[in-house]
Every structure is written in C-alpha cells, then in structure tokens.
Amino acid sequence: MAATRSFFLWIEAFFVLFVQLCVKSEDVDVHKLLYSNGGWYTDTENLIAQPGPCNIDVRDESLTQRDFLQKYAEKAPVIFRSVTDNSNFRKLCSKSSLVENYGSKEVILSSANTYSYTKVPVSFQHYVEEILRPQDANTLGNETLYLFGDQNYTEWEPLLDHYVQPPYYLPGHTGALSFGLAGAGTGVPFHFHGPGFGEVIYGRKRWFLYPPDQQPAFNPNRTTLQWVMEKYPQLEESEKPYECTIGPGEIIYFPDRWWHGTLNIDTSVFISTFLAMTPWA
C-alpha cells in the first residue's frame, strides 16, 4: 500500500511541474486546476456522452422543509444547489485517498443493466486500475461492470460517516447510503424504486426521469448511452423526460416509483441516499 501511495505522489508531482511550466499566469491556482476532479481524469476524446437541457426545478437552501413536502416530495423531482457542504467528504474521495485507504478492500461490481443480474467481487484497486474505463458505445449494459451499492458497510463506514446528507426528509423514512464510482459514458438504464437523493462528488451525471404512469420505452440490457444515441432523438415533445445534468455538490431528489436512468458524462464519484419507511412508523 505504501508503494501505491508513493506512485500517486510521484504522478501528482509530475503533473504539478508540467502545469507550472505550461501555465504562465501567476493567478492560476495550479493545484485547484489539477485536482478539481480529484484525480479522476477523463481524456476529452473519451467524452462520448454530453450534458443536455435541464427542465427540472433548481432550488437552493432557501427552500423550506414544508415547501419541499408540498411541492416535490410526492409530486416531482428537484435539483438542490448549495444545501450542504461536503468539501471534506470530497477530499476523502480523491483517487489517491480512496486507493490508499480502500485499495485492498473487496467491492462487489454489478452489471449496468436494469436488473443488475451479474455480481463480481474484486479489490477496489483492481476495479480502478483494470476495469474502470469509458463506456464503449457498442457494449451492452449487461456486459458493463459498475461500482454502486452492494458494499460492506462496516468497511466503508469510516468514509460514509463524513458524508453530510441532504437537509430534507420524508416523515417516517430513514436513509441508507450507497457509494458509487463509474466511467465516462456509463450509467444505469431506466428502473424505479423508492424515493431518494443522488449527489455528485466528482464528475457530471445526466439524469432522465418519468412519472410512474409514463413508462419509457427502453431495452433493459442496452445502456443509457445507447438509449440517448438511438431513442432519445426520436422522441416526440410529449415523450421527452424530465432531465438535468448535475455536477459536484449538486443533488437530485426523485419521488417514489419514478422511472429514472443515469448517464455519467465524466468519470464520476457519486453517492445516493435511498429512503425507506421505518418499520415502526
């Protein structure tokens, strides 16, 4: 593990020197420029997926809990900006930090299709170094391995304990955290479950949503990227989804049983808070 840490420090030092030589302006914060993505770099030629329009309400900390319950909790998705400060958690999710602290931990990868039939155990470091990569447009979702959920909570608890959950809640519900890391162009096709929040830590994630009574037409084994390339351009105006692309520090809320699919624009680190009824509520 010490050797891994030394390797990442050497790479970081090299990039700092390189940027310092290339950037002449004294006003440029070199470390901010380099590490704004936490080391989760994606070459621009691999950015097949692109952000789209946003037709979902965007709110800030001025939204009250009462307004959240009245306007969104059971009725519509909403995007939150500047409602929490997860800057400390973000630092802990940098590439060098996660590999150093969790590289030897076993993680369970799921196939990136609607029903996630495939489960593959690997070390976190193996996933980062050998499996995590941009999505090939021809690869199916059931052929793509994706890190999201299914982890040993006890092992990851020291990290998750630093996450500041959204300040809004549903009465009688408790939240369960699910941590994710995935390559550019990956994502999960349309599916539905209970209500929840999704926050981006690094990268950008494009969300597509439909209300429960408007099931989208999709193949559960084809990727969201393939759906965007093949089906999305053919949609009539009345068939288009709610959608928005969110970045670091932004949170989406989705109501109960709303169909949703995701598309990572860049290599993305993200976390969801799934809300479930408490047994005694």
Protein backbone atom coordinates (compact mmCIF):
# COMPACT_ATOMS: atom_id res chain seq x y z
CA MET A 1 0.00 0.00 0.00
CA ALA A 2 2.96 2.35 0.70
CA ALA A 3 4.25 1.71 -2.81
CA THR A 4 0.85 2.66 -4.25
CA ARG A 5 0.84 5.90 -2.25
CA SER A 6 4.37 6.74 -3.46
CA PHE A 7 3.35 6.11 -7.06
CA PHE A 8 0.39 8.51 -6.85
CA LEU A 9 2.53 11.17 -5.14
CA TRP A 10 5.10 10.87 -7.95
CA ILE A 11 2.38 11.25 -10.59
CA GLU A 12 0.92 14.27 -8.78
CA ALA A 13 4.34 15.96 -8.53
CA PHE A 14 4.95 15.39 -12.23
CA PHE A 15 1.63 16.99 -13.22
CA VAL A 16 2.20 19.96 -10.91
CA LEU A 17 5.58 20.61 -12.53
CA PHE A 18 4.14 20.14 -16.02
CA VAL A 19 1.29 22.59 -15.47
CA GLN A 20 3.58 25.13 -13.81
CA LEU A 21 5.77 25.08 -16.90
CA CYS A 22 2.82 25.39 -19.26
CA VAL A 23 0.73 27.94 -17.37
CA LYS A 24 2.37 31.33 -17.18
CA SER A 25 -0.29 33.31 -15.34
CA GLU A 26 0.51 33.77 -11.64
CA ASP A 27 -3.24 33.98 -10.98
CA VAL A 28 -3.79 30.32 -11.82
CA ASP A 29 -4.10 28.01 -8.81
CA VAL A 30 -2.20 25.01 -10.17
CA HIS A 31 -3.41 22.56 -7.52
CA LYS A 32 -7.02 23.67 -7.97
CA LEU A 33 -6.65 23.25 -11.73
CA LEU A 34 -5.20 19.75 -11.35
CA TYR A 35 -7.30 18.37 -8.55
CA SER A 36 -10.73 19.86 -9.16
CA ASN A 37 -11.68 16.38 -10.37
CA GLY A 38 -9.89 14.62 -7.53
CA GLY A 39 -7.56 12.81 -9.90
CA TRP A 40 -10.44 11.10 -11.72
CA TYR A 41 -9.24 12.27 -15.12
CA THR A 42 -11.11 11.59 -18.34
CA ASP A 43 -9.46 12.31 -21.69
CA THR A 44 -11.62 14.64 -23.77
CA GLU A 45 -11.62 12.22 -26.71
CA ASN A 46 -13.39 9.70 -24.47
CA LEU A 47 -16.25 12.03 -23.58
CA ILE A 48 -18.88 10.45 -25.82
CA ALA A 49 -21.77 11.38 -23.52
CA GLN A 50 -22.72 15.05 -23.37
CA PRO A 51 -24.77 17.18 -20.95
CA GLY A 52 -28.30 18.02 -22.00
CA PRO A 53 -31.01 20.57 -21.17
CA CYS A 54 -32.46 20.97 -17.70
CA ASN A 55 -36.24 21.13 -17.26
CA ILE A 56 -36.27 20.28 -13.54
CA ASP A 57 -36.70 22.92 -10.84
CA VAL A 58 -33.40 24.02 -9.29
CA ARG A 59 -33.58 25.22 -5.68
CA ASP A 60 -31.16 26.38 -3.02
CA GLU A 61 -31.11 26.48 0.79
CA SER A 62 -33.99 28.96 0.80
CA LEU A 63 -36.37 26.05 0.12
CA THR A 64 -38.02 25.13 3.40
CA GLN A 65 -38.83 21.60 4.55
CA ARG A 66 -42.51 22.50 4.36
CA ASP A 67 -42.22 23.64 0.75
CA PHE A 68 -40.23 20.51 -0.11
CA LEU A 69 -43.06 18.33 1.20
CA GLN A 70 -45.78 20.37 -0.50
CA LYS A 71 -44.17 20.84 -3.92
CA TYR A 72 -41.82 17.91 -4.52
CA ALA A 73 -41.87 15.03 -2.03
CA GLU A 74 -44.59 13.06 -3.83
CA LYS A 75 -45.01 15.16 -6.96
CA ALA A 76 -41.84 15.97 -8.89
CA PRO A 77 -38.05 15.73 -8.95
CA VAL A 78 -35.97 18.72 -7.88
CA ILE A 79 -32.30 19.74 -8.05
CA PHE A 80 -30.58 21.24 -5.00
CA ARG A 81 -27.57 23.53 -5.08
CA SER A 82 -25.61 24.79 -2.06
CA VAL A 83 -27.75 22.99 0.54
CA THR A 84 -24.87 21.01 2.10
CA ASP A 85 -21.10 21.32 2.43
CA ASN A 86 -19.37 18.06 1.54
CA SER A 87 -15.95 19.55 0.81
CA ASN A 88 -14.32 17.32 3.43
CA PHE A 89 -16.01 14.21 2.05
CA ARG A 90 -14.93 15.25 -1.44
CA LYS A 91 -11.28 15.35 -0.37
CA LEU A 92 -11.58 11.84 1.05
CA CYS A 93 -12.98 10.68 -2.32
CA SER A 94 -9.97 11.78 -4.35
CA LYS A 95 -8.37 9.00 -6.35
CA SER A 96 -5.18 8.85 -4.30
CA SER A 97 -7.07 8.87 -0.98
CA LEU A 98 -9.55 6.14 -1.94
CA VAL A 99 -6.89 3.87 -3.41
CA GLU A 100 -4.65 4.32 -0.37
CA ASN A 101 -7.40 3.64 2.17
CA TYR A 102 -9.63 1.19 0.31
CA GLY A 103 -7.48 -0.28 -2.45
CA SER A 104 -7.24 -3.69 -0.80
CA LYS A 105 -10.94 -3.82 0.17
CA GLU A 106 -13.21 -6.14 -1.76
CA VAL A 107 -16.04 -4.47 -3.64
CA ILE A 108 -18.97 -6.03 -5.47
CA LEU A 109 -19.45 -4.87 -9.05
CA SER A 110 -22.87 -5.06 -10.67
CA SER A 111 -23.76 -5.23 -14.34
CA ALA A 112 -25.01 -1.84 -15.53
CA ASN A 113 -28.38 -3.05 -16.76
CA THR A 114 -31.84 -2.55 -15.30
CA TYR A 115 -31.88 -5.74 -13.24
CA SER A 116 -28.12 -5.99 -12.43
CA TYR A 117 -28.01 -9.79 -12.59
CA THR A 118 -24.21 -10.07 -12.61
CA LYS A 119 -22.25 -9.62 -9.36
CA VAL A 120 -18.43 -9.74 -9.44
CA PRO A 121 -16.17 -9.38 -6.37
CA VAL A 122 -12.81 -7.64 -6.97
CA SER A 123 -10.45 -5.44 -4.98
CA PHE A 124 -11.18 -1.72 -5.21
CA GLN A 125 -7.69 -1.12 -6.63
CA HIS A 126 -8.24 -3.73 -9.35
CA TYR A 127 -11.51 -2.03 -10.30
CA VAL A 128 -9.83 1.39 -10.53
CA GLU A 129 -6.76 0.21 -12.45
CA GLU A 130 -8.16 -2.55 -14.68
CA ILE A 131 -11.93 -2.18 -15.10
CA LEU A 132 -12.87 1.48 -14.66
CA ARG A 133 -12.86 2.98 -18.15
CA PRO A 134 -15.06 5.00 -20.54
CA GLN A 135 -18.05 3.19 -21.99
CA ASP A 136 -17.75 1.74 -25.47
CA ALA A 137 -20.86 2.73 -27.42
CA ASN A 138 -21.28 -0.86 -28.65
CA THR A 139 -21.02 -2.56 -25.25
CA LEU A 140 -24.29 -3.64 -23.65
CA GLY A 141 -25.28 -2.80 -20.10
CA ASN A 142 -25.21 -6.45 -19.02
CA GLU A 143 -21.59 -6.55 -20.24
CA THR A 144 -20.55 -3.46 -18.27
CA LEU A 145 -19.37 -3.71 -14.65
CA TYR A 146 -20.28 -0.81 -12.40
CA LEU A 147 -19.47 0.03 -8.76
CA PHE A 148 -22.60 1.13 -6.93
CA GLY A 149 -24.00 -0.26 -3.69
CA ASP A 150 -23.63 -3.87 -2.51
CA GLN A 151 -20.60 -2.95 -0.38
CA ASN A 152 -19.56 -3.97 3.13
CA TYR A 153 -20.95 -1.01 5.06
CA THR A 154 -18.72 -1.70 8.07
CA GLU A 155 -15.56 -1.42 5.95
CA TRP A 156 -16.76 1.76 4.22
CA GLU A 157 -18.34 3.33 7.30
CA PRO A 158 -15.25 5.48 8.14
CA LEU A 159 -15.69 7.18 4.77
CA LEU A 160 -19.50 7.36 4.69
CA ASP A 161 -19.61 8.84 8.19
CA HIS A 162 -18.10 12.02 6.74
CA TYR A 163 -20.92 12.47 4.23
CA VAL A 164 -23.40 15.23 5.07
CA GLN A 165 -26.83 14.04 3.97
CA PRO A 166 -29.37 16.41 2.35
CA PRO A 167 -31.27 18.51 4.91
CA TYR A 168 -34.70 17.50 3.56
CA TYR A 169 -36.54 14.37 4.65
CA LEU A 170 -39.74 12.36 4.29
CA PRO A 171 -41.59 11.78 7.59
CA GLY A 172 -41.42 8.15 8.69
CA HIS A 173 -38.46 7.35 6.41
CA THR A 174 -34.82 6.60 7.08
CA GLY A 175 -31.94 6.94 4.63
CA ALA A 176 -29.41 4.32 3.53
CA LEU A 177 -26.23 5.44 1.76
CA SER A 178 -24.91 3.85 -1.43
CA PHE A 179 -21.49 4.88 -2.81
CA GLY A 180 -20.59 4.72 -6.49
CA LEU A 181 -17.72 5.17 -8.95
CA ALA A 182 -18.11 4.71 -12.71
CA GLY A 183 -16.50 5.60 -16.02
CA ALA A 184 -17.48 8.23 -18.56
CA GLY A 185 -20.47 7.21 -20.66
CA THR A 186 -21.61 4.52 -18.25
CA GLY A 187 -24.92 4.64 -16.42
CA VAL A 188 -27.92 2.59 -15.40
CA PRO A 189 -30.92 2.18 -17.76
CA PHE A 190 -34.42 3.08 -16.63
CA HIS A 191 -35.67 1.47 -13.44
CA PHE A 192 -37.67 2.51 -10.39
CA HIS A 193 -37.74 2.01 -6.63
CA GLY A 194 -38.46 4.09 -3.55
CA PRO A 195 -37.65 7.81 -3.21
CA GLY A 196 -34.15 9.13 -2.70
CA PHE A 197 -31.42 11.67 -3.28
CA GLY A 198 -28.40 11.43 -5.56
CA GLU A 199 -25.34 13.66 -5.18
CA VAL A 200 -22.34 14.01 -7.48
CA ILE A 201 -18.97 14.23 -5.72
CA TYR A 202 -16.72 14.35 -8.80
CA GLY A 203 -17.65 14.49 -12.47
CA ARG A 204 -21.07 15.12 -14.01
CA LYS A 205 -24.14 12.91 -14.20
CA ARG A 206 -27.11 13.35 -16.52
CA TRP A 207 -30.46 12.19 -15.15
CA PHE A 208 -33.59 11.21 -17.08
CA LEU A 209 -36.89 10.72 -15.24
CA TYR A 210 -40.52 9.83 -15.98
CA PRO A 211 -43.51 9.74 -13.60
CA PRO A 212 -44.80 6.31 -12.51
CA ASP A 213 -47.65 6.29 -15.04
CA GLN A 214 -45.38 7.09 -18.01
CA GLN A 215 -43.14 4.07 -18.53
CA PRO A 216 -40.44 4.87 -21.11
CA ALA A 217 -39.68 2.54 -23.98
CA PHE A 218 -36.24 1.00 -23.44
CA ASN A 219 -34.30 -2.25 -23.63
CA PRO A 220 -33.17 -3.19 -20.09
CA ASN A 221 -29.88 -4.63 -21.36
CA ARG A 222 -28.89 -1.69 -23.54
CA THR A 223 -27.07 1.19 -21.91
CA THR A 224 -28.35 4.67 -21.24
CA LEU A 225 -25.71 5.88 -23.70
CA GLN A 226 -27.24 3.69 -26.40
CA TRP A 227 -30.74 4.92 -25.48
CA VAL A 228 -29.56 8.53 -25.79
CA MET A 229 -27.96 7.88 -29.16
CA GLU A 230 -30.74 5.72 -30.63
CA LYS A 231 -34.07 6.53 -28.96
CA TYR A 232 -33.79 9.99 -27.45
CA PRO A 233 -33.52 11.86 -30.80
CA GLN A 234 -36.75 10.21 -31.99
CA LEU A 235 -38.89 11.26 -29.03
CA GLU A 236 -41.88 13.47 -29.61
CA GLU A 237 -42.12 16.53 -27.39
CA SER A 238 -44.76 14.83 -25.23
CA GLU A 239 -42.49 11.79 -24.82
CA LYS A 240 -39.42 13.63 -23.58
CA PRO A 241 -38.30 13.04 -19.99
CA TYR A 242 -37.65 15.30 -17.09
CA GLU A 243 -33.88 15.70 -17.22
CA CYS A 244 -30.90 17.60 -15.89
CA THR A 245 -27.12 17.26 -15.68
CA ILE A 246 -25.70 17.78 -12.20
CA GLY A 247 -22.11 18.36 -11.11
CA PRO A 248 -20.08 18.27 -7.90
CA GLY A 249 -22.06 19.33 -4.85
CA GLU A 250 -25.40 19.21 -6.65
CA ILE A 251 -28.17 16.87 -5.53
CA ILE A 252 -31.23 15.47 -7.25
CA TYR A 253 -34.33 14.23 -5.46
CA PHE A 254 -36.57 11.65 -7.15
CA PRO A 255 -40.01 10.69 -5.76
CA ASP A 256 -41.27 7.18 -5.08
CA ARG A 257 -41.55 4.83 -8.10
CA TRP A 258 -40.41 7.43 -10.63
CA TRP A 259 -38.62 5.87 -13.58
CA HIS A 260 -35.04 7.12 -13.85
CA GLY A 261 -31.92 6.39 -15.84
CA THR A 262 -28.46 7.90 -15.44
CA LEU A 263 -25.54 8.76 -17.71
CA ASN A 264 -22.10 9.70 -16.38
CA ILE A 265 -20.59 12.41 -18.56
CA ASP A 266 -17.14 12.06 -16.99
CA THR A 267 -15.52 9.54 -14.68
CA SER A 268 -17.82 10.13 -11.73
CA VAL A 269 -17.86 9.60 -7.98
CA PHE A 270 -21.37 9.79 -6.55
CA ILE A 271 -23.50 8.83 -3.58
CA SER A 272 -27.20 8.16 -3.13
CA THR A 273 -29.44 8.32 -0.10
CA PHE A 274 -32.25 5.79 -0.52
CA LEU A 275 -35.30 6.50 1.63
CA ALA A 276 -37.36 3.67 3.08
CA MET A 277 -40.25 3.54 5.51
CA THR A 278 -39.18 2.77 9.06
CA PRO A 279 -40.85 -0.44 10.33
CA TRP A 280 -42.29 1.32 13.35
CA ALA A 281 -43.51 4.43 11.50
